[in-house]
Amino acid sequence: MATKVLTLVGSLRNGSTNQQLAEATSHNAPEGMEVSVFSGLENIPFYNEDNDVEGSVPAAAQALRDAASGSDALMLVTPEYNGTMPAVLKNAIDWLSRPFGASPVSGKPTVVVGTAFGQYGGVWAQDEARKALGIAGAKVLEDVKLAIPNSVVRFAELHPKDDDEVVEQVTSVLKSIKEIAEAN
């Protein structure tokens, strides 16, 4: 049975380098692994505990929870906005954190990767996402990292899935996820 990885992309922009990086992960999944990119983060309302009531959870939020529940591991791909992760990604983590202790991310192997325009590749955003995921109960793989700097220049004419170095790095990240998920 294949290891299923659900990927959430923090950039909503068409053609973003982080969306392209997510495509590169699904394109280079090792044998025995299925990587799917969740579509629809922009449709999930901001988390409000008043709306998080069994039977009346907003459909978009429930779809996210169902997708996460049906996966063996999670991968978040985040740009860096003003030194942190985008609100849409934080909102997804908030919805996935409930009910605490029994949430779809509770104990689930999770990695955070990304690319950004700056020279550090968005490491602050990745650190913030790892922190929020850990508090939400995910099993954050702290040692599995991928931060690609200078994204606008690097990927101006080359899609990440066609960049040999990125393919090697993405494949390594996916193999690490698969090992942990299968041992989980």
C-alpha atoms as a PDB file:
ATOM      1  CA  MET A   1       0.000   0.000   0.000  1.00  0.00           C
ATOM      2  CA  ALA A   2       1.342   3.421  -0.956  1.00  0.00           C
ATOM      3  CA  THR A   3       2.346   6.030   1.598  1.00  0.00           C
ATOM      4  CA  LYS A   4       0.018   9.004   1.066  1.00  0.00           C
ATOM      5  CA  VAL A   5       1.424  12.496   1.530  1.00  0.00           C
ATOM      6  CA  LEU A   6      -0.875  15.501   1.554  1.00  0.00           C
ATOM      7  CA  THR A   7       0.808  18.722   0.456  1.00  0.00           C
ATOM      8  CA  LEU A   8      -0.445  22.181   1.454  1.00  0.00           C
ATOM      9  CA  VAL A   9       0.926  25.176  -0.440  1.00  0.00           C
ATOM     10  CA  GLY A  10       0.970  28.544   1.317  1.00  0.00           C
ATOM     11  CA  SER A  11       1.024  30.616  -1.856  1.00  0.00           C
ATOM     12  CA  LEU A  12      -2.252  31.208  -3.669  1.00  0.00           C
ATOM     13  CA  ARG A  13      -0.629  32.885  -6.671  1.00  0.00           C
ATOM     14  CA  ASN A  14      -0.865  31.031  -9.973  1.00  0.00           C
ATOM     15  CA  GLY A  15       2.568  29.862 -11.026  1.00  0.00           C
ATOM     16  CA  SER A  16       4.218  30.641  -7.695  1.00  0.00           C
ATOM     17  CA  THR A  17       7.590  29.029  -7.146  1.00  0.00           C
ATOM     18  CA  ASN A  18       6.200  27.270  -4.073  1.00  0.00           C
ATOM     19  CA  GLN A  19       3.359  25.820  -6.142  1.00  0.00           C
ATOM     20  CA  GLN A  20       6.000  24.697  -8.625  1.00  0.00           C
ATOM     21  CA  LEU A  21       8.032  23.139  -5.804  1.00  0.00           C
ATOM     22  CA  ALA A  22       4.920  21.234  -4.705  1.00  0.00           C
ATOM     23  CA  GLU A  23       4.480  20.026  -8.290  1.00  0.00           C
ATOM     24  CA  ALA A  24       8.109  18.889  -8.263  1.00  0.00           C
ATOM     25  CA  THR A  25       7.431  16.793  -5.148  1.00  0.00           C
ATOM     26  CA  SER A  26       4.439  15.034  -6.703  1.00  0.00           C
ATOM     27  CA  HIS A  27       6.383  14.600  -9.950  1.00  0.00           C
ATOM     28  CA  ASN A  28       9.302  12.927  -8.155  1.00  0.00           C
ATOM     29  CA  ALA A  29       7.550  10.764  -5.596  1.00  0.00           C
ATOM     30  CA  PRO A  30       9.463   7.537  -5.049  1.00  0.00           C
ATOM     31  CA  GLU A  31       7.847   4.215  -5.802  1.00  0.00           C
ATOM     32  CA  GLY A  32       5.259   3.317  -3.186  1.00  0.00           C
ATOM     33  CA  MET A  33       4.383   6.936  -2.431  1.00  0.00           C
ATOM     34  CA  GLU A  34       1.498   9.133  -3.564  1.00  0.00           C
ATOM     35  CA  VAL A  35       1.878  12.899  -3.162  1.00  0.00           C
ATOM     36  CA  SER A  36      -1.243  14.996  -3.661  1.00  0.00           C
ATOM     37  CA  VAL A  37      -1.484  18.776  -3.524  1.00  0.00           C
ATOM     38  CA  PHE A  38      -4.564  20.063  -1.701  1.00  0.00           C
ATOM     39  CA  SER A  39      -6.600  22.555  -3.661  1.00  0.00           C
ATOM     40  CA  GLY A  40      -8.862  25.077  -1.985  1.00  0.00           C
ATOM     41  CA  LEU A  41      -7.033  26.628   0.972  1.00  0.00           C
ATOM     42  CA  GLU A  42      -8.325  30.017  -0.180  1.00  0.00           C
ATOM     43  CA  ASN A  43     -11.913  28.830   0.383  1.00  0.00           C
ATOM     44  CA  ILE A  44     -11.472  27.944   4.045  1.00  0.00           C
ATOM     45  CA  PRO A  45     -12.892  30.616   6.361  1.00  0.00           C
ATOM     46  CA  PHE A  46     -10.713  31.949   9.149  1.00  0.00           C
ATOM     47  CA  TYR A  47     -10.822  29.635  12.117  1.00  0.00           C
ATOM     48  CA  ASN A  48     -13.592  30.481  14.572  1.00  0.00           C
ATOM     49  CA  GLU A  49     -14.400  28.049  17.342  1.00  0.00           C
ATOM     50  CA  ASP A  50     -18.065  29.077  17.096  1.00  0.00           C
ATOM     51  CA  ASN A  51     -18.118  27.531  13.597  1.00  0.00           C
ATOM     52  CA  ASP A  52     -16.198  24.423  14.602  1.00  0.00           C
ATOM     53  CA  VAL A  53     -19.188  22.460  15.770  1.00  0.00           C
ATOM     54  CA  GLU A  54     -19.733  18.845  14.783  1.00  0.00           C
ATOM     55  CA  GLY A  55     -22.160  18.702  11.892  1.00  0.00           C
ATOM     56  CA  SER A  56     -21.726  22.336  10.904  1.00  0.00           C
ATOM     57  CA  VAL A  57     -18.013  22.685  10.144  1.00  0.00           C
ATOM     58  CA  PRO A  58     -17.659  24.725   6.935  1.00  0.00           C
ATOM     59  CA  ALA A  59     -17.406  22.377   3.933  1.00  0.00           C
ATOM     60  CA  ALA A  60     -13.986  23.664   2.827  1.00  0.00           C
ATOM     61  CA  ALA A  61     -12.532  23.142   6.311  1.00  0.00           C
ATOM     62  CA  GLN A  62     -14.068  19.672   6.529  1.00  0.00           C
ATOM     63  CA  ALA A  63     -12.577  18.798   3.121  1.00  0.00           C
ATOM     64  CA  LEU A  64      -9.150  19.784   4.456  1.00  0.00           C
ATOM     65  CA  ARG A  65      -9.613  17.706   7.598  1.00  0.00           C
ATOM     66  CA  ASP A  66     -10.813  14.727   5.566  1.00  0.00           C
ATOM     67  CA  ALA A  67      -7.834  14.977   3.210  1.00  0.00           C
ATOM     68  CA  ALA A  68      -5.423  15.165   6.155  1.00  0.00           C
ATOM     69  CA  SER A  69      -7.146  12.253   7.907  1.00  0.00           C
ATOM     70  CA  GLY A  70      -6.765  10.158   4.761  1.00  0.00           C
ATOM     71  CA  SER A  71      -3.032  10.817   4.509  1.00  0.00           C
ATOM     72  CA  ASP A  72      -0.088   9.126   6.178  1.00  0.00           C
ATOM     73  CA  ALA A  73       2.033  12.275   6.288  1.00  0.00           C
ATOM     74  CA  LEU A  74       1.886  16.000   5.559  1.00  0.00           C
ATOM     75  CA  MET A  75       4.165  18.347   3.667  1.00  0.00           C
ATOM     76  CA  LEU A  76       3.751  22.108   3.901  1.00  0.00           C
ATOM     77  CA  VAL A  77       5.332  24.235   1.201  1.00  0.00           C
ATOM     78  CA  THR A  78       5.594  27.825   2.305  1.00  0.00           C
ATOM     79  CA  PRO A  79       6.821  31.130   0.990  1.00  0.00           C
ATOM     80  CA  GLU A  80       7.858  33.806   3.455  1.00  0.00           C
ATOM     81  CA  TYR A  81       5.617  36.843   3.863  1.00  0.00           C
ATOM     82  CA  ASN A  82       7.015  39.563   6.115  1.00  0.00           C
ATOM     83  CA  GLY A  83       9.230  37.092   7.924  1.00  0.00           C
ATOM     84  CA  THR A  84       6.553  34.500   8.627  1.00  0.00           C
ATOM     85  CA  MET A  85       4.204  32.040   6.939  1.00  0.00           C
ATOM     86  CA  PRO A  86       1.177  33.236   4.954  1.00  0.00           C
ATOM     87  CA  ALA A  87      -2.118  33.572   6.824  1.00  0.00           C
ATOM     88  CA  VAL A  88      -3.775  30.963   4.613  1.00  0.00           C
ATOM     89  CA  LEU A  89      -1.306  28.338   5.799  1.00  0.00           C
ATOM     90  CA  LYS A  90      -1.617  29.323   9.457  1.00  0.00           C
ATOM     91  CA  ASN A  91      -5.399  29.139   9.093  1.00  0.00           C
ATOM     92  CA  ALA A  92      -5.115  25.623   7.654  1.00  0.00           C
ATOM     93  CA  ILE A  93      -2.969  24.582  10.626  1.00  0.00           C
ATOM     94  CA  ASP A  94      -5.569  26.070  12.990  1.00  0.00           C
ATOM     95  CA  TRP A  95      -8.384  24.038  11.395  1.00  0.00           C
ATOM     96  CA  LEU A  96      -6.224  20.910  11.390  1.00  0.00           C
ATOM     97  CA  SER A  97      -5.294  21.333  15.064  1.00  0.00           C
ATOM     98  CA  ARG A  98      -8.805  20.551  16.312  1.00  0.00           C
ATOM     99  CA  PRO A  99     -10.013  18.656  18.162  1.00  0.00           C
ATOM    100  CA  PHE A 100      -6.770  18.884  20.094  1.00  0.00           C
ATOM    101  CA  GLY A 101      -5.249  15.480  20.786  1.00  0.00           C
ATOM    102  CA  ALA A 102      -7.492  13.777  18.225  1.00  0.00           C
ATOM    103  CA  SER A 103      -6.940  16.077  15.272  1.00  0.00           C
ATOM    104  CA  PRO A 104      -6.044  14.931  11.742  1.00  0.00           C
ATOM    105  CA  VAL A 105      -2.423  15.997  12.379  1.00  0.00           C
ATOM    106  CA  SER A 106      -2.033  14.434  15.811  1.00  0.00           C
ATOM    107  CA  GLY A 107       1.135  12.332  15.680  1.00  0.00           C
ATOM    108  CA  LYS A 108       1.284  12.568  11.880  1.00  0.00           C
ATOM    109  CA  PRO A 109       4.772  12.836  10.336  1.00  0.00           C
ATOM    110  CA  THR A 110       5.040  16.349   8.895  1.00  0.00           C
ATOM    111  CA  VAL A 111       7.706  18.301   7.029  1.00  0.00           C
ATOM    112  CA  VAL A 112       7.943  21.951   6.047  1.00  0.00           C
ATOM    113  CA  VAL A 113       9.835  23.050   2.946  1.00  0.00           C
ATOM    114  CA  GLY A 114       9.765  26.083   0.704  1.00  0.00           C
ATOM    115  CA  THR A 115      11.373  28.615  -1.513  1.00  0.00           C
ATOM    116  CA  ALA A 116      11.593  32.378  -1.260  1.00  0.00           C
ATOM    117  CA  PHE A 117      13.080  35.340  -3.042  1.00  0.00           C
ATOM    118  CA  GLY A 118      15.538  36.155  -0.238  1.00  0.00           C
ATOM    119  CA  GLN A 119      18.931  34.653   0.398  1.00  0.00           C
ATOM    120  CA  TYR A 120      17.714  32.354   3.193  1.00  0.00           C
ATOM    121  CA  GLY A 121      14.921  30.642   1.277  1.00  0.00           C
ATOM    122  CA  GLY A 122      12.178  31.437   3.765  1.00  0.00           C
ATOM    123  CA  VAL A 123      13.629  29.715   6.826  1.00  0.00           C
ATOM    124  CA  TRP A 124      11.757  32.026   9.217  1.00  0.00           C
ATOM    125  CA  ALA A 125       8.426  31.047   7.672  1.00  0.00           C
ATOM    126  CA  GLN A 126       9.387  27.389   7.828  1.00  0.00           C
ATOM    127  CA  ASP A 127      10.393  27.690  11.480  1.00  0.00           C
ATOM    128  CA  GLU A 128       7.085  29.390  12.332  1.00  0.00           C
ATOM    129  CA  ALA A 129       5.137  26.666  10.509  1.00  0.00           C
ATOM    130  CA  ARG A 130       7.073  23.916  12.311  1.00  0.00           C
ATOM    131  CA  LYS A 131       6.361  25.608  15.651  1.00  0.00           C
ATOM    132  CA  ALA A 132       2.608  25.880  14.964  1.00  0.00           C
ATOM    133  CA  LEU A 133       2.431  22.298  13.683  1.00  0.00           C
ATOM    134  CA  GLY A 134       4.267  20.970  16.734  1.00  0.00           C
ATOM    135  CA  ILE A 135       1.875  22.745  19.069  1.00  0.00           C
ATOM    136  CA  ALA A 136      -1.019  21.360  16.990  1.00  0.00           C
ATOM    137  CA  GLY A 137       0.257  17.864  17.737  1.00  0.00           C
ATOM    138  CA  ALA A 138       1.978  16.900  14.483  1.00  0.00           C
ATOM    139  CA  LYS A 139       5.136  14.809  14.548  1.00  0.00           C
ATOM    140  CA  VAL A 140       7.327  17.475  12.948  1.00  0.00           C
ATOM    141  CA  LEU A 141      10.435  16.067  11.307  1.00  0.00           C
ATOM    142  CA  GLU A 142      12.742  18.845  12.468  1.00  0.00           C
ATOM    143  CA  ASP A 143      15.812  17.460  10.691  1.00  0.00           C
ATOM    144  CA  VAL A 144      14.133  17.178   7.279  1.00  0.00           C
ATOM    145  CA  LYS A 145      14.526  20.589   5.700  1.00  0.00           C
ATOM    146  CA  LEU A 146      14.599  22.205   2.283  1.00  0.00           C
ATOM    147  CA  ALA A 147      14.870  25.980   1.888  1.00  0.00           C
ATOM    148  CA  ILE A 148      15.627  27.218  -1.607  1.00  0.00           C
ATOM    149  CA  PRO A 149      16.802  30.851  -1.803  1.00  0.00           C
ATOM    150  CA  ASN A 150      16.629  33.318  -4.710  1.00  0.00           C
ATOM    151  CA  SER A 151      13.571  31.603  -6.168  1.00  0.00           C
ATOM    152  CA  VAL A 152      12.525  34.292  -8.620  1.00  0.00           C
ATOM    153  CA  VAL A 153      15.921  34.252 -10.299  1.00  0.00           C
ATOM    154  CA  ARG A 154      16.626  30.535  -9.954  1.00  0.00           C
ATOM    155  CA  PHE A 155      13.296  29.432 -11.397  1.00  0.00           C
ATOM    156  CA  ALA A 156      12.807  32.249 -13.923  1.00  0.00           C
ATOM    157  CA  GLU A 157      13.374  29.894 -16.831  1.00  0.00           C
ATOM    158  CA  LEU A 158      13.573  26.494 -15.174  1.00  0.00           C
ATOM    159  CA  HIS A 159      10.741  24.701 -13.357  1.00  0.00           C
ATOM    160  CA  PRO A 160      11.913  23.110 -10.078  1.00  0.00           C
ATOM    161  CA  LYS A 161      10.948  19.653 -11.396  1.00  0.00           C
ATOM    162  CA  ASP A 162      13.584  20.125 -14.111  1.00  0.00           C
ATOM    163  CA  ASP A 163      16.323  21.341 -11.745  1.00  0.00           C
ATOM    164  CA  ASP A 164      18.551  18.340 -10.968  1.00  0.00           C
ATOM    165  CA  GLU A 165      19.637  19.690  -7.570  1.00  0.00           C
ATOM    166  CA  VAL A 166      16.032  20.378  -6.494  1.00  0.00           C
ATOM    167  CA  VAL A 167      14.906  16.957  -7.724  1.00  0.00           C
ATOM    168  CA  GLU A 168      17.653  15.323  -5.645  1.00  0.00           C
ATOM    169  CA  GLN A 169      16.699  17.369  -2.560  1.00  0.00           C
ATOM    170  CA  VAL A 170      12.953  16.743  -2.982  1.00  0.00           C
ATOM    171  CA  THR A 171      13.538  13.028  -3.450  1.00  0.00           C
ATOM    172  CA  SER A 172      15.585  12.939  -0.245  1.00  0.00           C
ATOM    173  CA  VAL A 173      12.828  14.746   1.688  1.00  0.00           C
ATOM    174  CA  LEU A 174      10.185  12.347   0.348  1.00  0.00           C
ATOM    175  CA  LYS A 175      12.268   9.273   1.208  1.00  0.00           C
ATOM    176  CA  SER A 176      12.660  10.571   4.767  1.00  0.00           C
ATOM    177  CA  ILE A 177       8.900  11.084   5.063  1.00  0.00           C
ATOM    178  CA  LYS A 178       8.237   7.585   3.693  1.00  0.00           C
ATOM    179  CA  GLU A 179      10.629   5.953   6.193  1.00  0.00           C
ATOM    180  CA  ILE A 180       9.053   7.730   9.172  1.00  0.00           C
ATOM    181  CA  ALA A 181       5.462   7.207   7.964  1.00  0.00           C
ATOM    182  CA  GLU A 182       6.026   3.485   7.420  1.00  0.00           C
ATOM    183  CA  ALA A 183       7.591   3.157  10.873  1.00  0.00           C
ATOM    184  CA  ASN A 184       4.746   5.132  12.477  1.00  0.00           C
END
